[in-house]
Amino acid sequence: MVHSGDDEQDLRRSALVALQAGIIPRDQPNQILGGSGSGEVCPVCGRPIDPAEMELELEFANTDVGDEVREFHLHLPCFAAWENARKSVVDDRA
């Protein structure tokens, strides 16, 4: 997945929309793991992560349901867009 400058702007907008819609949390993940793509759909861009691509798996504790962990799989550029959007939303709330 190669991104141009226009694609990066689209990713930033998509990440902000995903945050605002509650598709992906704005909290800091409890754990971040990296590896080869799992085929899961990225919540930022909506595309599957191919096994030839690198992905980051974000794990969030779901305190509403005991010890359950919520997982999100993101492309590396999508993670960067989410992280930037998350920090800007958190900063705006401060």
PDB file of N, CA and C in Angstrom:
ATOM      1  N   MET A   1       0.858  -1.167   0.000  1.00  0.00           N
ATOM      2  CA  MET A   1       0.000   0.000   0.000  1.00  0.00           C
ATOM      3  C   MET A   1       0.903   1.228   0.000  1.00  0.00           C
ATOM      4  N   VAL A   2       0.928   1.940  -1.107  1.00  0.00           N
ATOM      5  CA  VAL A   2       1.737   3.143  -1.233  1.00  0.00           C
ATOM      6  C   VAL A   2       0.801   4.339  -1.202  1.00  0.00           C
ATOM      7  N   HIS A   3       1.200   5.371  -0.450  1.00  0.00           N
ATOM      8  CA  HIS A   3       0.340   6.538  -0.304  1.00  0.00           C
ATOM      9  C   HIS A   3       1.048   7.782  -0.805  1.00  0.00           C
ATOM     10  N   SER A   4       0.311   8.577  -1.593  1.00  0.00           N
ATOM     11  CA  SER A   4       0.825   9.877  -2.025  1.00  0.00           C
ATOM     12  C   SER A   4       0.360  10.930  -1.028  1.00  0.00           C
ATOM     13  N   GLY A   5       0.728  12.166  -1.267  1.00  0.00           N
ATOM     14  CA  GLY A   5       0.321  13.252  -0.385  1.00  0.00           C
ATOM     15  C   GLY A   5      -1.194  13.380  -0.294  1.00  0.00           C
ATOM     16  N   ASP A   6      -1.891  13.236  -1.447  1.00  0.00           N
ATOM     17  CA  ASP A   6      -3.354  13.296  -1.441  1.00  0.00           C
ATOM     18  C   ASP A   6      -3.929  12.139  -0.633  1.00  0.00           C
ATOM     19  N   ASP A   7      -3.347  10.951  -0.803  1.00  0.00           N
ATOM     20  CA  ASP A   7      -3.812   9.792  -0.048  1.00  0.00           C
ATOM     21  C   ASP A   7      -3.634  10.012   1.449  1.00  0.00           C
ATOM     22  N   GLU A   8      -2.541  10.646   1.834  1.00  0.00           N
ATOM     23  CA  GLU A   8      -2.298  10.906   3.260  1.00  0.00           C
ATOM     24  C   GLU A   8      -3.374  11.826   3.824  1.00  0.00           C
ATOM     25  N   GLN A   9      -3.780  12.826   3.066  1.00  0.00           N
ATOM     26  CA  GLN A   9      -4.856  13.722   3.508  1.00  0.00           C
ATOM     27  C   GLN A   9      -6.158  12.939   3.648  1.00  0.00           C
ATOM     28  N   ASP A  10      -6.433  12.048   2.673  1.00  0.00           N
ATOM     29  CA  ASP A  10      -7.632  11.210   2.746  1.00  0.00           C
ATOM     30  C   ASP A  10      -7.579  10.298   3.971  1.00  0.00           C
ATOM     31  N   LEU A  11      -6.404   9.742   4.266  1.00  0.00           N
ATOM     32  CA  LEU A  11      -6.264   8.885   5.436  1.00  0.00           C
ATOM     33  C   LEU A  11      -6.517   9.658   6.716  1.00  0.00           C
ATOM     34  N   ARG A  12      -6.011  10.870   6.783  1.00  0.00           N
ATOM     35  CA  ARG A  12      -6.243  11.693   7.977  1.00  0.00           C
ATOM     36  C   ARG A  12      -7.734  11.956   8.176  1.00  0.00           C
ATOM     37  N   ARG A  13      -8.416  12.263   7.075  1.00  0.00           N
ATOM     38  CA  ARG A  13      -9.865  12.481   7.168  1.00  0.00           C
ATOM     39  C   ARG A  13     -10.576  11.188   7.564  1.00  0.00           C
ATOM     40  N   SER A  14     -10.187  10.077   6.967  1.00  0.00           N
ATOM     41  CA  SER A  14     -10.812   8.786   7.285  1.00  0.00           C
ATOM     42  C   SER A  14     -10.579   8.406   8.736  1.00  0.00           C
ATOM     43  N   ALA A  15      -9.385   8.660   9.252  1.00  0.00           N
ATOM     44  CA  ALA A  15      -9.072   8.348  10.649  1.00  0.00           C
ATOM     45  C   ALA A  15      -9.928   9.191  11.581  1.00  0.00           C
ATOM     46  N   LEU A  16     -10.097  10.462  11.262  1.00  0.00           N
ATOM     47  CA  LEU A  16     -10.915  11.347  12.094  1.00  0.00           C
ATOM     48  C   LEU A  16     -12.379  10.895  12.079  1.00  0.00           C
ATOM     49  N   VAL A  17     -12.874  10.521  10.914  1.00  0.00           N
ATOM     50  CA  VAL A  17     -14.249  10.027  10.800  1.00  0.00           C
ATOM     51  C   VAL A  17     -14.416   8.755  11.624  1.00  0.00           C
ATOM     52  N   ALA A  18     -13.438   7.829  11.536  1.00  0.00           N
ATOM     53  CA  ALA A  18     -13.508   6.578  12.296  1.00  0.00           C
ATOM     54  C   ALA A  18     -13.511   6.849  13.801  1.00  0.00           C
ATOM     55  N   LEU A  19     -12.742   7.821  14.235  1.00  0.00           N
ATOM     56  CA  LEU A  19     -12.736   8.201  15.657  1.00  0.00           C
ATOM     57  C   LEU A  19     -14.079   8.787  16.072  1.00  0.00           C
ATOM     58  N   GLN A  20     -14.562   9.720  15.300  1.00  0.00           N
ATOM     59  CA  GLN A  20     -15.805  10.403  15.650  1.00  0.00           C
ATOM     60  C   GLN A  20     -17.000   9.455  15.622  1.00  0.00           C
ATOM     61  N   ALA A  21     -16.960   8.449  14.750  1.00  0.00           N
ATOM     62  CA  ALA A  21     -18.056   7.478  14.645  1.00  0.00           C
ATOM     63  C   ALA A  21     -17.930   6.355  15.663  1.00  0.00           C
ATOM     64  N   GLY A  22     -16.822   6.324  16.412  1.00  0.00           N
ATOM     65  CA  GLY A  22     -16.622   5.268  17.397  1.00  0.00           C
ATOM     66  C   GLY A  22     -16.222   3.938  16.795  1.00  0.00           C
ATOM     67  N   ILE A  23     -15.765   3.946  15.544  1.00  0.00           N
ATOM     68  CA  ILE A  23     -15.334   2.713  14.883  1.00  0.00           C
ATOM     69  C   ILE A  23     -14.048   2.202  15.510  1.00  0.00           C
ATOM     70  N   ILE A  24     -13.183   3.126  15.892  1.00  0.00           N
ATOM     71  CA  ILE A  24     -11.928   2.780  16.561  1.00  0.00           C
ATOM     72  C   ILE A  24     -11.778   3.722  17.758  1.00  0.00           C
ATOM     73  N   PRO A  25     -11.300   3.210  18.893  1.00  0.00           N
ATOM     74  CA  PRO A  25     -11.194   4.064  20.087  1.00  0.00           C
ATOM     75  C   PRO A  25     -10.195   5.203  19.912  1.00  0.00           C
ATOM     76  N   ARG A  26     -10.384   6.240  20.714  1.00  0.00           N
ATOM     77  CA  ARG A  26      -9.406   7.334  20.720  1.00  0.00           C
ATOM     78  C   ARG A  26      -8.430   7.183  21.874  1.00  0.00           C
ATOM     79  N   ASP A  27      -8.628   6.170  22.711  1.00  0.00           N
ATOM     80  CA  ASP A  27      -7.730   5.917  23.842  1.00  0.00           C
ATOM     81  C   ASP A  27      -6.398   5.353  23.374  1.00  0.00           C
ATOM     82  N   GLN A  28      -5.416   5.448  24.237  1.00  0.00           N
ATOM     83  CA  GLN A  28      -4.112   4.806  23.998  1.00  0.00           C
ATOM     84  C   GLN A  28      -4.330   3.291  24.099  1.00  0.00           C
ATOM     85  N   PRO A  29      -3.852   2.511  23.124  1.00  0.00           N
ATOM     86  CA  PRO A  29      -4.022   1.056  23.221  1.00  0.00           C
ATOM     87  C   PRO A  29      -3.249   0.488  24.409  1.00  0.00           C
ATOM     88  N   ASN A  30      -3.738  -0.627  24.946  1.00  0.00           N
ATOM     89  CA  ASN A  30      -3.029  -1.315  26.014  1.00  0.00           C
ATOM     90  C   ASN A  30      -1.780  -2.000  25.478  1.00  0.00           C
ATOM     91  N   GLN A  31      -1.857  -2.418  24.211  1.00  0.00           N
ATOM     92  CA  GLN A  31      -0.713  -3.105  23.606  1.00  0.00           C
ATOM     93  C   GLN A  31      -0.759  -2.889  22.098  1.00  0.00           C
ATOM     94  N   ILE A  32       0.434  -2.791  21.495  1.00  0.00           N
ATOM     95  CA  ILE A  32       0.563  -2.687  20.042  1.00  0.00           C
ATOM     96  C   ILE A  32       1.518  -3.780  19.598  1.00  0.00           C
ATOM     97  N   LEU A  33       1.060  -4.611  18.662  1.00  0.00           N
ATOM     98  CA  LEU A  33       1.873  -5.690  18.111  1.00  0.00           C
ATOM     99  C   LEU A  33       2.047  -5.445  16.622  1.00  0.00           C
ATOM    100  N   GLY A  34       3.155  -5.869  16.071  1.00  0.00           N
ATOM    101  CA  GLY A  34       3.400  -5.714  14.649  1.00  0.00           C
ATOM    102  C   GLY A  34       3.670  -7.048  13.989  1.00  0.00           C
ATOM    103  N   GLY A  35       3.391  -7.110  12.699  1.00  0.00           N
ATOM    104  CA  GLY A  35       3.665  -8.339  11.971  1.00  0.00           C
ATOM    105  C   GLY A  35       3.139  -8.259  10.560  1.00  0.00           C
ATOM    106  N   SER A  36       3.119  -9.407   9.912  1.00  0.00           N
ATOM    107  CA  SER A  36       2.605  -9.491   8.547  1.00  0.00           C
ATOM    108  C   SER A  36       1.093  -9.333   8.555  1.00  0.00           C
ATOM    109  N   GLY A  37       0.574  -8.827   7.457  1.00  0.00           N
ATOM    110  CA  GLY A  37      -0.855  -8.621   7.336  1.00  0.00           C
ATOM    111  C   GLY A  37      -1.653  -9.889   7.568  1.00  0.00           C
ATOM    112  N   SER A  38      -2.786  -9.728   8.225  1.00  0.00           N
ATOM    113  CA  SER A  38      -3.613 -10.870   8.604  1.00  0.00           C
ATOM    114  C   SER A  38      -4.812 -11.057   7.690  1.00  0.00           C
ATOM    115  N   GLY A  39      -5.007 -10.148   6.758  1.00  0.00           N
ATOM    116  CA  GLY A  39      -6.192 -10.198   5.919  1.00  0.00           C
ATOM    117  C   GLY A  39      -7.377  -9.473   6.533  1.00  0.00           C
ATOM    118  N   GLU A  40      -7.224  -9.002   7.787  1.00  0.00           N
ATOM    119  CA  GLU A  40      -8.293  -8.254   8.445  1.00  0.00           C
ATOM    120  C   GLU A  40      -8.491  -6.909   7.741  1.00  0.00           C
ATOM    121  N   VAL A  41      -9.684  -6.360   7.866  1.00  0.00           N
ATOM    122  CA  VAL A  41      -9.994  -5.069   7.255  1.00  0.00           C
ATOM    123  C   VAL A  41      -9.539  -3.954   8.182  1.00  0.00           C
ATOM    124  N   CYS A  42      -8.810  -3.005   7.642  1.00  0.00           N
ATOM    125  CA  CYS A  42      -8.322  -1.848   8.392  1.00  0.00           C
ATOM    126  C   CYS A  42      -9.498  -0.902   8.657  1.00  0.00           C
ATOM    127  N   PRO A  43      -9.723  -0.499   9.918  1.00  0.00           N
ATOM    128  CA  PRO A  43     -10.847   0.383  10.231  1.00  0.00           C
ATOM    129  C   PRO A  43     -10.662   1.822   9.746  1.00  0.00           C
ATOM    130  N   VAL A  44      -9.468   2.171   9.310  1.00  0.00           N
ATOM    131  CA  VAL A  44      -9.233   3.538   8.826  1.00  0.00           C
ATOM    132  C   VAL A  44      -9.530   3.641   7.334  1.00  0.00           C
ATOM    133  N   CYS A  45      -8.916   2.773   6.520  1.00  0.00           N
ATOM    134  CA  CYS A  45      -9.090   2.876   5.065  1.00  0.00           C
ATOM    135  C   CYS A  45     -10.134   1.919   4.512  1.00  0.00           C
ATOM    136  N   GLY A  46     -10.526   0.918   5.319  1.00  0.00           N
ATOM    137  CA  GLY A  46     -11.552  -0.025   4.870  1.00  0.00           C
ATOM    138  C   GLY A  46     -11.054  -1.114   3.940  1.00  0.00           C
ATOM    139  N   ARG A  47      -9.731  -1.226   3.764  1.00  0.00           N
ATOM    140  CA  ARG A  47      -9.174  -2.257   2.887  1.00  0.00           C
ATOM    141  C   ARG A  47      -8.539  -3.370   3.707  1.00  0.00           C
ATOM    142  N   PRO A  48      -8.587  -4.610   3.202  1.00  0.00           N
ATOM    143  CA  PRO A  48      -7.908  -5.703   3.912  1.00  0.00           C
ATOM    144  C   PRO A  48      -6.393  -5.487   3.910  1.00  0.00           C
ATOM    145  N   ILE A  49      -5.742  -6.021   4.934  1.00  0.00           N
ATOM    146  CA  ILE A  49      -4.283  -5.914   5.032  1.00  0.00           C
ATOM    147  C   ILE A  49      -3.694  -7.211   4.488  1.00  0.00           C
ATOM    148  N   ASP A  50      -3.075  -7.099   3.341  1.00  0.00           N
ATOM    149  CA  ASP A  50      -2.509  -8.237   2.623  1.00  0.00           C
ATOM    150  C   ASP A  50      -1.356  -8.848   3.420  1.00  0.00           C
ATOM    151  N   PRO A  51      -1.173 -10.167   3.359  1.00  0.00           N
ATOM    152  CA  PRO A  51      -0.057 -10.796   4.078  1.00  0.00           C
ATOM    153  C   PRO A  51       1.330 -10.264   3.665  1.00  0.00           C
ATOM    154  N   ALA A  52       1.444  -9.674   2.479  1.00  0.00           N
ATOM    155  CA  ALA A  52       2.725  -9.102   2.051  1.00  0.00           C
ATOM    156  C   ALA A  52       2.968  -7.731   2.685  1.00  0.00           C
ATOM    157  N   GLU A  53       1.940  -7.163   3.327  1.00  0.00           N
ATOM    158  CA  GLU A  53       2.064  -5.859   3.969  1.00  0.00           C
ATOM    159  C   GLU A  53       2.310  -6.027   5.470  1.00  0.00           C
ATOM    160  N   MET A  54       2.876  -5.001   6.067  1.00  0.00           N
ATOM    161  CA  MET A  54       3.023  -4.982   7.523  1.00  0.00           C
ATOM    162  C   MET A  54       1.760  -4.394   8.124  1.00  0.00           C
ATOM    163  N   GLU A  55       1.404  -4.877   9.308  1.00  0.00           N
ATOM    164  CA  GLU A  55       0.267  -4.327  10.023  1.00  0.00           C
ATOM    165  C   GLU A  55       0.632  -4.107  11.479  1.00  0.00           C
ATOM    166  N   LEU A  56      -0.136  -3.249  12.118  1.00  0.00           N
ATOM    167  CA  LEU A  56      -0.062  -3.091  13.566  1.00  0.00           C
ATOM    168  C   LEU A  56      -1.400  -3.534  14.135  1.00  0.00           C
ATOM    169  N   GLU A  57      -1.340  -4.377  15.145  1.00  0.00           N
ATOM    170  CA  GLU A  57      -2.539  -4.824  15.840  1.00  0.00           C
ATOM    171  C   GLU A  57      -2.624  -4.051  17.145  1.00  0.00           C
ATOM    172  N   LEU A  58      -3.705  -3.297  17.298  1.00  0.00           N
ATOM    173  CA  LEU A  58      -3.919  -2.509  18.508  1.00  0.00           C
ATOM    174  C   LEU A  58      -4.872  -3.280  19.406  1.00  0.00           C
ATOM    175  N   GLU A  59      -4.490  -3.429  20.665  1.00  0.00           N
ATOM    176  CA  GLU A  59      -5.332  -4.139  21.616  1.00  0.00           C
ATOM    177  C   GLU A  59      -5.804  -3.174  22.698  1.00  0.00           C
ATOM    178  N   PHE A  60      -7.117  -3.188  22.922  1.00  0.00           N
ATOM    179  CA  PHE A  60      -7.747  -2.340  23.929  1.00  0.00           C
ATOM    180  C   PHE A  60      -8.510  -3.229  24.903  1.00  0.00           C
ATOM    181  N   ALA A  61      -8.332  -2.997  26.181  1.00  0.00           N
ATOM    182  CA  ALA A  61      -9.104  -3.732  27.183  1.00  0.00           C
ATOM    183  C   ALA A  61     -10.537  -3.234  27.130  1.00  0.00           C
ATOM    184  N   ASN A  62     -11.481  -4.174  27.111  1.00  0.00           N
ATOM    185  CA  ASN A  62     -12.897  -3.830  27.114  1.00  0.00           C
ATOM    186  C   ASN A  62     -13.404  -4.041  28.527  1.00  0.00           C
ATOM    187  N   THR A  63     -13.306  -3.023  29.348  1.00  0.00           N
ATOM    188  CA  THR A  63     -13.642  -3.145  30.771  1.00  0.00           C
ATOM    189  C   THR A  63     -15.122  -3.407  30.998  1.00  0.00           C
ATOM    190  N   ASP A  64     -15.963  -3.163  29.979  1.00  0.00           N
ATOM    191  CA  ASP A  64     -17.391  -3.439  30.111  1.00  0.00           C
ATOM    192  C   ASP A  64     -17.691  -4.934  30.087  1.00  0.00           C
ATOM    193  N   VAL A  65     -16.744  -5.731  29.549  1.00  0.00           N
ATOM    194  CA  VAL A  65     -16.979  -7.163  29.377  1.00  0.00           C
ATOM    195  C   VAL A  65     -15.813  -7.950  29.975  1.00  0.00           C
ATOM    196  N   GLY A  66     -15.632  -7.867  31.281  1.00  0.00           N
ATOM    197  CA  GLY A  66     -14.588  -8.640  31.960  1.00  0.00           C
ATOM    198  C   GLY A  66     -13.209  -8.394  31.404  1.00  0.00           C
ATOM    199  N   ASP A  67     -12.544  -9.486  31.034  1.00  0.00           N
ATOM    200  CA  ASP A  67     -11.164  -9.414  30.535  1.00  0.00           C
ATOM    201  C   ASP A  67     -11.091  -9.396  29.012  1.00  0.00           C
ATOM    202  N   GLU A  68     -12.202  -9.156  28.347  1.00  0.00           N
ATOM    203  CA  GLU A  68     -12.229  -9.170  26.887  1.00  0.00           C
ATOM    204  C   GLU A  68     -11.300  -8.100  26.322  1.00  0.00           C
ATOM    205  N   VAL A  69     -10.659  -8.426  25.209  1.00  0.00           N
ATOM    206  CA  VAL A  69      -9.759  -7.497  24.528  1.00  0.00           C
ATOM    207  C   VAL A  69     -10.323  -7.215  23.144  1.00  0.00           C
ATOM    208  N   ARG A  70     -10.408  -5.945  22.791  1.00  0.00           N
ATOM    209  CA  ARG A  70     -10.821  -5.552  21.437  1.00  0.00           C
ATOM    210  C   ARG A  70      -9.569  -5.330  20.615  1.00  0.00           C
ATOM    211  N   GLU A  71      -9.544  -5.893  19.406  1.00  0.00           N
ATOM    212  CA  GLU A  71      -8.382  -5.791  18.523  1.00  0.00           C
ATOM    213  C   GLU A  71      -8.748  -5.041  17.248  1.00  0.00           C
ATOM    214  N   PHE A  72      -7.802  -4.241  16.781  1.00  0.00           N
ATOM    215  CA  PHE A  72      -7.949  -3.518  15.529  1.00  0.00           C
ATOM    216  C   PHE A  72      -6.649  -3.692  14.756  1.00  0.00           C
ATOM    217  N   HIS A  73      -6.754  -4.014  13.473  1.00  0.00           N
ATOM    218  CA  HIS A  73      -5.592  -4.231  12.615  1.00  0.00           C
ATOM    219  C   HIS A  73      -5.510  -3.072  11.633  1.00  0.00           C
ATOM    220  N   LEU A  74      -4.351  -2.384  11.612  1.00  0.00           N
ATOM    221  CA  LEU A  74      -4.182  -1.202  10.770  1.00  0.00           C
ATOM    222  C   LEU A  74      -2.928  -1.313   9.917  1.00  0.00           C
ATOM    223  N   HIS A  75      -3.014  -0.782   8.695  1.00  0.00           N
ATOM    224  CA  HIS A  75      -1.813  -0.592   7.875  1.00  0.00           C
ATOM    225  C   HIS A  75      -0.922   0.425   8.607  1.00  0.00           C
ATOM    226  N   LEU A  76       0.357   0.407   8.354  1.00  0.00           N
ATOM    227  CA  LEU A  76       1.255   1.362   9.017  1.00  0.00           C
ATOM    228  C   LEU A  76       0.875   2.818   8.736  1.00  0.00           C
ATOM    229  N   PRO A  77       0.618   3.207   7.468  1.00  0.00           N
ATOM    230  CA  PRO A  77       0.221   4.604   7.228  1.00  0.00           C
ATOM    231  C   PRO A  77      -1.120   4.943   7.885  1.00  0.00           C
ATOM    232  N   CYS A  78      -2.021   3.972   7.962  1.00  0.00           N
ATOM    233  CA  CYS A  78      -3.320   4.199   8.602  1.00  0.00           C
ATOM    234  C   CYS A  78      -3.143   4.381  10.109  1.00  0.00           C
ATOM    235  N   PHE A  79      -2.213   3.629  10.697  1.00  0.00           N
ATOM    236  CA  PHE A  79      -1.924   3.808  12.120  1.00  0.00           C
ATOM    237  C   PHE A  79      -1.409   5.218  12.376  1.00  0.00           C
ATOM    238  N   ALA A  80      -0.494   5.689  11.527  1.00  0.00           N
ATOM    239  CA  ALA A  80       0.055   7.046  11.700  1.00  0.00           C
ATOM    240  C   ALA A  80      -1.060   8.085  11.593  1.00  0.00           C
ATOM    241  N   ALA A  81      -1.974   7.905  10.646  1.00  0.00           N
ATOM    242  CA  ALA A  81      -3.086   8.846  10.495  1.00  0.00           C
ATOM    243  C   ALA A  81      -3.995   8.789  11.718  1.00  0.00           C
ATOM    244  N   TRP A  82      -4.280   7.580  12.215  1.00  0.00           N
ATOM    245  CA  TRP A  82      -5.119   7.429  13.413  1.00  0.00           C
ATOM    246  C   TRP A  82      -4.448   8.077  14.621  1.00  0.00           C
ATOM    247  N   GLU A  83      -3.166   7.827  14.787  1.00  0.00           N
ATOM    248  CA  GLU A  83      -2.436   8.378  15.942  1.00  0.00           C
ATOM    249  C   GLU A  83      -2.464   9.903  15.912  1.00  0.00           C
ATOM    250  N   ASN A  84      -2.244  10.484  14.747  1.00  0.00           N
ATOM    251  CA  ASN A  84      -2.292  11.943  14.629  1.00  0.00           C
ATOM    252  C   ASN A  84      -3.690  12.476  14.901  1.00  0.00           C
ATOM    253  N   ALA A  85      -4.700  11.815  14.362  1.00  0.00           N
ATOM    254  CA  ALA A  85      -6.084  12.249  14.597  1.00  0.00           C
ATOM    255  C   ALA A  85      -6.455  12.085  16.072  1.00  0.00           C
ATOM    256  N   ARG A  86      -6.048  10.979  16.647  1.00  0.00           N
ATOM    257  CA  ARG A  86      -6.346  10.703  18.070  1.00  0.00           C
ATOM    258  C   ARG A  86      -5.743  11.785  18.954  1.00  0.00           C
ATOM    259  N   LYS A  87      -4.496  12.128  18.688  1.00  0.00           N
ATOM    260  CA  LYS A  87      -3.821  13.146  19.498  1.00  0.00           C
ATOM    261  C   LYS A  87      -4.442  14.514  19.293  1.00  0.00           C
ATOM    262  N   SER A  88      -4.865  14.829  18.083  1.00  0.00           N
ATOM    263  CA  SER A  88      -5.479  16.138  17.851  1.00  0.00           C
ATOM    264  C   SER A  88      -6.844  16.213  18.537  1.00  0.00           C
ATOM    265  N   VAL A  89      -7.599  15.119  18.547  1.00  0.00           N
ATOM    266  CA  VAL A  89      -8.896  15.094  19.233  1.00  0.00           C
ATOM    267  C   VAL A  89      -8.699  15.199  20.728  1.00  0.00           C
ATOM    268  N   VAL A  90      -7.712  14.482  21.274  1.00  0.00           N
ATOM    269  CA  VAL A  90      -7.418  14.538  22.710  1.00  0.00           C
ATOM    270  C   VAL A  90      -6.967  15.938  23.086  1.00  0.00           C
ATOM    271  N   ASP A  91      -6.099  16.548  22.272  1.00  0.00           N
ATOM    272  CA  ASP A  91      -5.620  17.908  22.546  1.00  0.00           C
ATOM    273  C   ASP A  91      -6.765  18.905  22.522  1.00  0.00           C
ATOM    274  N   ASP A  92      -7.719  18.726  21.600  1.00  0.00           N
ATOM    275  CA  ASP A  92      -8.859  19.630  21.501  1.00  0.00           C
ATOM    276  C   ASP A  92      -9.764  19.542  22.727  1.00  0.00           C
ATOM    277  N   ARG A  93      -9.808  18.374  23.348  1.00  0.00           N
ATOM    278  CA  ARG A  93     -10.654  18.194  24.533  1.00  0.00           C
ATOM    279  C   ARG A  93     -10.003  18.748  25.792  1.00  0.00           C
ATOM    280  N   ALA A  94      -8.699  18.945  25.768  1.00  0.00           N
ATOM    281  CA  ALA A  94      -7.975  19.403  26.967  1.00  0.00           C
ATOM    282  C   ALA A  94      -8.232  20.852  27.271  1.00  0.00           C
TER     283      ALA A  94
END
